[in-house]
Amino acid sequence: MEIIAIKRVGGTNILAVEGDVTRQPVEGVVNSANESLQHKEGVATAVVRTGGRVIQEESDTWVREHGPVEPGAAAVTTGGMLQASHVIHTVAPYYAPDTSDGVLWAAVAATLDAAVEHELESLAFPLLGAGLRGYPAERSASVMVEAVVTWLTANPDLLTEIRLVGFSQHDAELFAAALSE
């Protein structure tokens, strides 16, 4: 794990980190999920592989009780065997120029709201939507950072740390560049 950049907003440190989102020393890991919370691809597979089958079982129960998670919304399960106590599953939009940024922004805000609701103080986000959902990685990083900074400015001192985790150095550097804007 390598910290690439740090920005402070109020009482919260935002870190751009290269590493595995499932292995971050935080209370909540963010999962880039699909609407049915079937964790079979991308980050979701890593979350279940590291945290255990209980995360999929709790996700199935969540969907039975609440229905599919809409793009821009979030659902919460325990972290199973993850170091983090919770997983916040959020659904990024499929990329469409000029229409997706608001939904991605909403997904980030819903995730931060869910963290506060569950009394979490630290989170680790992967790059949302940049895989199967087709979001350009640079655009995703930029929208995510803008959403996090705006949310923290409006909700100061509710969280202590947010990690923006790029699995590759390139993705971590995209988060770092967005933090410096």
C-alpha atoms as a PDB file:
ATOM      1  CA  MET A   1       0.000   0.000   0.000  1.00  0.00           C
ATOM      2  CA  GLU A   2       1.413   3.338  -1.026  1.00  0.00           C
ATOM      3  CA  ILE A   3      -0.071   6.743  -0.181  1.00  0.00           C
ATOM      4  CA  ILE A   4       0.273   8.954  -3.269  1.00  0.00           C
ATOM      5  CA  ALA A   5      -1.410  12.170  -2.049  1.00  0.00           C
ATOM      6  CA  ILE A   6      -3.262  13.637   0.926  1.00  0.00           C
ATOM      7  CA  LYS A   7      -5.777  16.475   1.092  1.00  0.00           C
ATOM      8  CA  ARG A   8      -7.467  17.707   4.254  1.00  0.00           C
ATOM      9  CA  VAL A   9     -11.051  18.973   4.200  1.00  0.00           C
ATOM     10  CA  GLY A  10     -12.172  20.141   7.627  1.00  0.00           C
ATOM     11  CA  GLY A  11     -11.301  17.344  10.021  1.00  0.00           C
ATOM     12  CA  THR A  12     -11.096  14.671   7.331  1.00  0.00           C
ATOM     13  CA  ASN A  13      -8.021  13.394   5.532  1.00  0.00           C
ATOM     14  CA  ILE A  14      -8.588  12.255   1.948  1.00  0.00           C
ATOM     15  CA  LEU A  15      -5.833   9.937   0.748  1.00  0.00           C
ATOM     16  CA  ALA A  16      -5.053   8.721  -2.759  1.00  0.00           C
ATOM     17  CA  VAL A  17      -3.674   5.224  -2.259  1.00  0.00           C
ATOM     18  CA  GLU A  18      -2.306   2.491  -4.502  1.00  0.00           C
ATOM     19  CA  GLY A  19      -3.359  -0.939  -3.265  1.00  0.00           C
ATOM     20  CA  ASP A  20      -6.150  -3.415  -2.657  1.00  0.00           C
ATOM     21  CA  VAL A  21      -9.344  -1.754  -1.429  1.00  0.00           C
ATOM     22  CA  THR A  22     -10.266  -4.888   0.562  1.00  0.00           C
ATOM     23  CA  ARG A  23      -7.107  -4.649   2.659  1.00  0.00           C
ATOM     24  CA  GLN A  24      -7.297  -1.021   3.790  1.00  0.00           C
ATOM     25  CA  PRO A  25      -7.232  -0.178   7.544  1.00  0.00           C
ATOM     26  CA  VAL A  26     -10.710   1.396   7.570  1.00  0.00           C
ATOM     27  CA  GLU A  27     -14.131   0.741   9.105  1.00  0.00           C
ATOM     28  CA  GLY A  28     -15.969   0.609   5.786  1.00  0.00           C
ATOM     29  CA  VAL A  29     -14.994  -0.739   2.376  1.00  0.00           C
ATOM     30  CA  VAL A  30     -16.950   0.501  -0.628  1.00  0.00           C
ATOM     31  CA  ASN A  31     -17.956  -2.107  -3.178  1.00  0.00           C
ATOM     32  CA  SER A  32     -18.667  -1.154  -6.772  1.00  0.00           C
ATOM     33  CA  ALA A  33     -21.773  -3.335  -7.059  1.00  0.00           C
ATOM     34  CA  ASN A  34     -24.479  -4.183  -9.553  1.00  0.00           C
ATOM     35  CA  GLU A  35     -28.168  -3.596  -8.871  1.00  0.00           C
ATOM     36  CA  SER A  36     -28.852  -7.182  -7.737  1.00  0.00           C
ATOM     37  CA  LEU A  37     -25.776  -7.269  -5.451  1.00  0.00           C
ATOM     38  CA  GLN A  38     -24.487 -10.394  -7.183  1.00  0.00           C
ATOM     39  CA  HIS A  39     -20.771 -10.133  -6.488  1.00  0.00           C
ATOM     40  CA  LYS A  40     -19.318 -12.046  -9.437  1.00  0.00           C
ATOM     41  CA  GLU A  41     -17.030  -9.559 -11.191  1.00  0.00           C
ATOM     42  CA  GLY A  42     -14.425  -6.885 -10.521  1.00  0.00           C
ATOM     43  CA  VAL A  43     -14.118  -5.335  -7.073  1.00  0.00           C
ATOM     44  CA  ALA A  44     -17.205  -7.202  -5.890  1.00  0.00           C
ATOM     45  CA  THR A  45     -15.483 -10.551  -6.448  1.00  0.00           C
ATOM     46  CA  ALA A  46     -12.485  -9.389  -4.417  1.00  0.00           C
ATOM     47  CA  VAL A  47     -14.755  -8.196  -1.585  1.00  0.00           C
ATOM     48  CA  VAL A  48     -16.430 -11.612  -1.279  1.00  0.00           C
ATOM     49  CA  ARG A  49     -13.207 -13.564  -1.838  1.00  0.00           C
ATOM     50  CA  THR A  50     -11.480 -11.651   0.978  1.00  0.00           C
ATOM     51  CA  GLY A  51     -14.459 -11.084   3.267  1.00  0.00           C
ATOM     52  CA  GLY A  52     -16.172 -14.428   2.838  1.00  0.00           C
ATOM     53  CA  ARG A  53     -19.454 -15.827   1.541  1.00  0.00           C
ATOM     54  CA  VAL A  54     -21.373 -14.121   4.368  1.00  0.00           C
ATOM     55  CA  ILE A  55     -21.161 -10.853   2.406  1.00  0.00           C
ATOM     56  CA  GLN A  56     -22.981 -12.431  -0.550  1.00  0.00           C
ATOM     57  CA  GLU A  57     -25.535 -14.033   1.777  1.00  0.00           C
ATOM     58  CA  GLU A  58     -26.246 -10.700   3.497  1.00  0.00           C
ATOM     59  CA  SER A  59     -26.458  -8.995   0.089  1.00  0.00           C
ATOM     60  CA  ASP A  60     -29.027 -11.573  -1.087  1.00  0.00           C
ATOM     61  CA  THR A  61     -31.068 -10.922   2.059  1.00  0.00           C
ATOM     62  CA  TRP A  62     -30.824  -7.156   1.531  1.00  0.00           C
ATOM     63  CA  VAL A  63     -32.164  -7.436  -2.031  1.00  0.00           C
ATOM     64  CA  ARG A  64     -34.999  -9.780  -0.926  1.00  0.00           C
ATOM     65  CA  GLU A  65     -36.041  -7.253   1.731  1.00  0.00           C
ATOM     66  CA  HIS A  66     -35.494  -3.979  -0.190  1.00  0.00           C
ATOM     67  CA  GLY A  67     -35.358  -4.824  -3.874  1.00  0.00           C
ATOM     68  CA  PRO A  68     -32.534  -4.008  -6.289  1.00  0.00           C
ATOM     69  CA  VAL A  69     -30.170  -1.145  -5.485  1.00  0.00           C
ATOM     70  CA  GLU A  70     -30.713   1.665  -7.977  1.00  0.00           C
ATOM     71  CA  PRO A  71     -27.753   3.406  -9.610  1.00  0.00           C
ATOM     72  CA  GLY A  72     -26.730   6.245  -7.314  1.00  0.00           C
ATOM     73  CA  ALA A  73     -27.895   4.436  -4.160  1.00  0.00           C
ATOM     74  CA  ALA A  74     -26.154   2.285  -1.541  1.00  0.00           C
ATOM     75  CA  ALA A  75     -26.786  -0.804   0.602  1.00  0.00           C
ATOM     76  CA  VAL A  76     -24.823  -1.917   3.678  1.00  0.00           C
ATOM     77  CA  THR A  77     -23.727  -5.345   4.922  1.00  0.00           C
ATOM     78  CA  THR A  78     -21.186  -6.448   7.479  1.00  0.00           C
ATOM     79  CA  GLY A  79     -17.594  -6.871   6.394  1.00  0.00           C
ATOM     80  CA  GLY A  80     -17.471 -10.581   7.103  1.00  0.00           C
ATOM     81  CA  MET A  81     -13.788 -11.458   7.531  1.00  0.00           C
ATOM     82  CA  LEU A  82     -12.549  -8.131   6.144  1.00  0.00           C
ATOM     83  CA  GLN A  83     -10.585  -5.873   8.448  1.00  0.00           C
ATOM     84  CA  ALA A  84     -13.433  -3.388   7.865  1.00  0.00           C
ATOM     85  CA  SER A  85     -16.599  -3.958   9.888  1.00  0.00           C
ATOM     86  CA  HIS A  86     -18.909  -2.953   7.022  1.00  0.00           C
ATOM     87  CA  VAL A  87     -19.196  -3.031   3.252  1.00  0.00           C
ATOM     88  CA  ILE A  88     -21.140  -0.259   1.557  1.00  0.00           C
ATOM     89  CA  HIS A  89     -22.320  -1.521  -1.821  1.00  0.00           C
ATOM     90  CA  THR A  90     -22.976   1.313  -4.253  1.00  0.00           C
ATOM     91  CA  VAL A  91     -24.127   1.196  -7.849  1.00  0.00           C
ATOM     92  CA  ALA A  92     -22.387   3.446 -10.357  1.00  0.00           C
ATOM     93  CA  PRO A  93     -24.161   4.271 -13.610  1.00  0.00           C
ATOM     94  CA  TYR A  94     -23.275   2.868 -16.998  1.00  0.00           C
ATOM     95  CA  TYR A  95     -21.306   5.627 -18.657  1.00  0.00           C
ATOM     96  CA  ALA A  96     -23.163   7.927 -21.015  1.00  0.00           C
ATOM     97  CA  PRO A  97     -21.529  11.274 -21.834  1.00  0.00           C
ATOM     98  CA  ASP A  98     -23.280  14.281 -20.263  1.00  0.00           C
ATOM     99  CA  THR A  99     -25.746  12.191 -18.216  1.00  0.00           C
ATOM    100  CA  SER A 100     -23.766   9.915 -15.886  1.00  0.00           C
ATOM    101  CA  ASP A 101     -21.843  12.316 -13.658  1.00  0.00           C
ATOM    102  CA  GLY A 102     -24.866  13.227 -11.520  1.00  0.00           C
ATOM    103  CA  VAL A 103     -25.616   9.567 -10.825  1.00  0.00           C
ATOM    104  CA  LEU A 104     -21.977   8.823  -9.960  1.00  0.00           C
ATOM    105  CA  TRP A 105     -21.990  11.866  -7.676  1.00  0.00           C
ATOM    106  CA  ALA A 106     -25.179  10.541  -6.020  1.00  0.00           C
ATOM    107  CA  ALA A 107     -23.547   7.121  -5.517  1.00  0.00           C
ATOM    108  CA  VAL A 108     -20.622   8.736  -3.687  1.00  0.00           C
ATOM    109  CA  ALA A 109     -22.946  10.895  -1.550  1.00  0.00           C
ATOM    110  CA  ALA A 110     -25.207   7.912  -0.738  1.00  0.00           C
ATOM    111  CA  THR A 111     -22.133   5.968   0.347  1.00  0.00           C
ATOM    112  CA  LEU A 112     -20.936   8.771   2.620  1.00  0.00           C
ATOM    113  CA  ASP A 113     -24.447   9.168   4.072  1.00  0.00           C
ATOM    114  CA  ALA A 114     -24.597   5.394   4.743  1.00  0.00           C
ATOM    115  CA  ALA A 115     -21.216   5.538   6.486  1.00  0.00           C
ATOM    116  CA  VAL A 116     -22.436   8.237   8.852  1.00  0.00           C
ATOM    117  CA  GLU A 117     -25.732   6.399   9.422  1.00  0.00           C
ATOM    118  CA  HIS A 118     -23.755   3.314  10.475  1.00  0.00           C
ATOM    119  CA  GLU A 119     -21.392   5.399  12.630  1.00  0.00           C
ATOM    120  CA  LEU A 120     -18.308   4.664  10.545  1.00  0.00           C
ATOM    121  CA  GLU A 121     -15.445   7.153  10.600  1.00  0.00           C
ATOM    122  CA  SER A 122     -13.214   5.837   7.818  1.00  0.00           C
ATOM    123  CA  LEU A 123     -13.884   4.501   4.309  1.00  0.00           C
ATOM    124  CA  ALA A 124     -11.986   3.088   1.352  1.00  0.00           C
ATOM    125  CA  PHE A 125     -13.423   3.675  -2.150  1.00  0.00           C
ATOM    126  CA  PRO A 126     -12.304   1.923  -5.322  1.00  0.00           C
ATOM    127  CA  LEU A 127     -12.556   3.706  -8.657  1.00  0.00           C
ATOM    128  CA  LEU A 128     -16.323   3.466  -9.276  1.00  0.00           C
ATOM    129  CA  GLY A 129     -17.803   2.569 -12.647  1.00  0.00           C
ATOM    130  CA  ALA A 130     -14.488   2.410 -14.484  1.00  0.00           C
ATOM    131  CA  GLY A 131     -14.636  -1.304 -15.195  1.00  0.00           C
ATOM    132  CA  LEU A 132     -17.743  -3.001 -16.514  1.00  0.00           C
ATOM    133  CA  ARG A 133     -19.790   0.191 -16.398  1.00  0.00           C
ATOM    134  CA  GLY A 134     -17.507   1.841 -18.970  1.00  0.00           C
ATOM    135  CA  TYR A 135     -16.742   5.063 -17.103  1.00  0.00           C
ATOM    136  CA  PRO A 136     -13.486   6.654 -18.271  1.00  0.00           C
ATOM    137  CA  ALA A 137     -11.150   6.208 -15.296  1.00  0.00           C
ATOM    138  CA  GLU A 138      -9.941   9.824 -15.292  1.00  0.00           C
ATOM    139  CA  ARG A 139     -13.518  11.127 -15.371  1.00  0.00           C
ATOM    140  CA  SER A 140     -14.615   8.778 -12.586  1.00  0.00           C
ATOM    141  CA  ALA A 141     -11.726   9.886 -10.344  1.00  0.00           C
ATOM    142  CA  SER A 142     -12.511  13.547 -10.986  1.00  0.00           C
ATOM    143  CA  VAL A 143     -16.246  13.215 -10.269  1.00  0.00           C
ATOM    144  CA  MET A 144     -15.591  11.096  -7.175  1.00  0.00           C
ATOM    145  CA  VAL A 145     -13.113  13.583  -5.693  1.00  0.00           C
ATOM    146  CA  GLU A 146     -15.410  16.519  -6.436  1.00  0.00           C
ATOM    147  CA  ALA A 147     -18.320  14.695  -4.784  1.00  0.00           C
ATOM    148  CA  VAL A 148     -16.271  13.741  -1.713  1.00  0.00           C
ATOM    149  CA  VAL A 149     -14.889  17.260  -1.214  1.00  0.00           C
ATOM    150  CA  THR A 150     -18.308  18.871  -1.684  1.00  0.00           C
ATOM    151  CA  TRP A 151     -19.960  16.400   0.713  1.00  0.00           C
ATOM    152  CA  LEU A 152     -17.244  16.901   3.351  1.00  0.00           C
ATOM    153  CA  THR A 153     -17.516  20.681   3.038  1.00  0.00           C
ATOM    154  CA  ALA A 154     -21.266  20.455   3.700  1.00  0.00           C
ATOM    155  CA  ASN A 155     -20.837  17.809   6.434  1.00  0.00           C
ATOM    156  CA  PRO A 156     -17.649  18.746   8.299  1.00  0.00           C
ATOM    157  CA  ASP A 157     -16.005  16.530  10.884  1.00  0.00           C
ATOM    158  CA  LEU A 158     -18.295  13.496  10.451  1.00  0.00           C
ATOM    159  CA  LEU A 159     -15.568  11.280   9.007  1.00  0.00           C
ATOM    160  CA  THR A 160     -11.872  11.119   9.879  1.00  0.00           C
ATOM    161  CA  GLU A 161     -10.451   9.467   6.762  1.00  0.00           C
ATOM    162  CA  ILE A 162     -11.447   8.630   3.209  1.00  0.00           C
ATOM    163  CA  ARG A 163      -9.122   6.495   1.112  1.00  0.00           C
ATOM    164  CA  LEU A 164      -9.469   6.645  -2.667  1.00  0.00           C
ATOM    165  CA  VAL A 165      -7.796   3.409  -3.684  1.00  0.00           C
ATOM    166  CA  GLY A 166      -6.414   2.717  -7.122  1.00  0.00           C
ATOM    167  CA  PHE A 167      -5.548  -0.936  -7.651  1.00  0.00           C
ATOM    168  CA  SER A 168      -2.893   0.191 -10.140  1.00  0.00           C
ATOM    169  CA  GLN A 169      -0.416   3.036  -9.798  1.00  0.00           C
ATOM    170  CA  HIS A 170      -2.110   4.699 -12.773  1.00  0.00           C
ATOM    171  CA  ASP A 171      -5.511   4.734 -11.057  1.00  0.00           C
ATOM    172  CA  ALA A 172      -4.012   5.952  -7.770  1.00  0.00           C
ATOM    173  CA  GLU A 173      -2.323   8.773  -9.682  1.00  0.00           C
ATOM    174  CA  LEU A 174      -5.683   9.703 -11.244  1.00  0.00           C
ATOM    175  CA  PHE A 175      -7.090  10.155  -7.725  1.00  0.00           C
ATOM    176  CA  ALA A 176      -3.979  12.145  -6.720  1.00  0.00           C
ATOM    177  CA  ALA A 177      -4.315  14.429  -9.748  1.00  0.00           C
ATOM    178  CA  ALA A 178      -8.000  15.037  -8.979  1.00  0.00           C
ATOM    179  CA  LEU A 179      -7.134  15.847  -5.350  1.00  0.00           C
ATOM    180  CA  SER A 180      -4.654  18.498  -6.497  1.00  0.00           C
ATOM    181  CA  GLU A 181      -7.229  20.360  -8.620  1.00  0.00           C
END
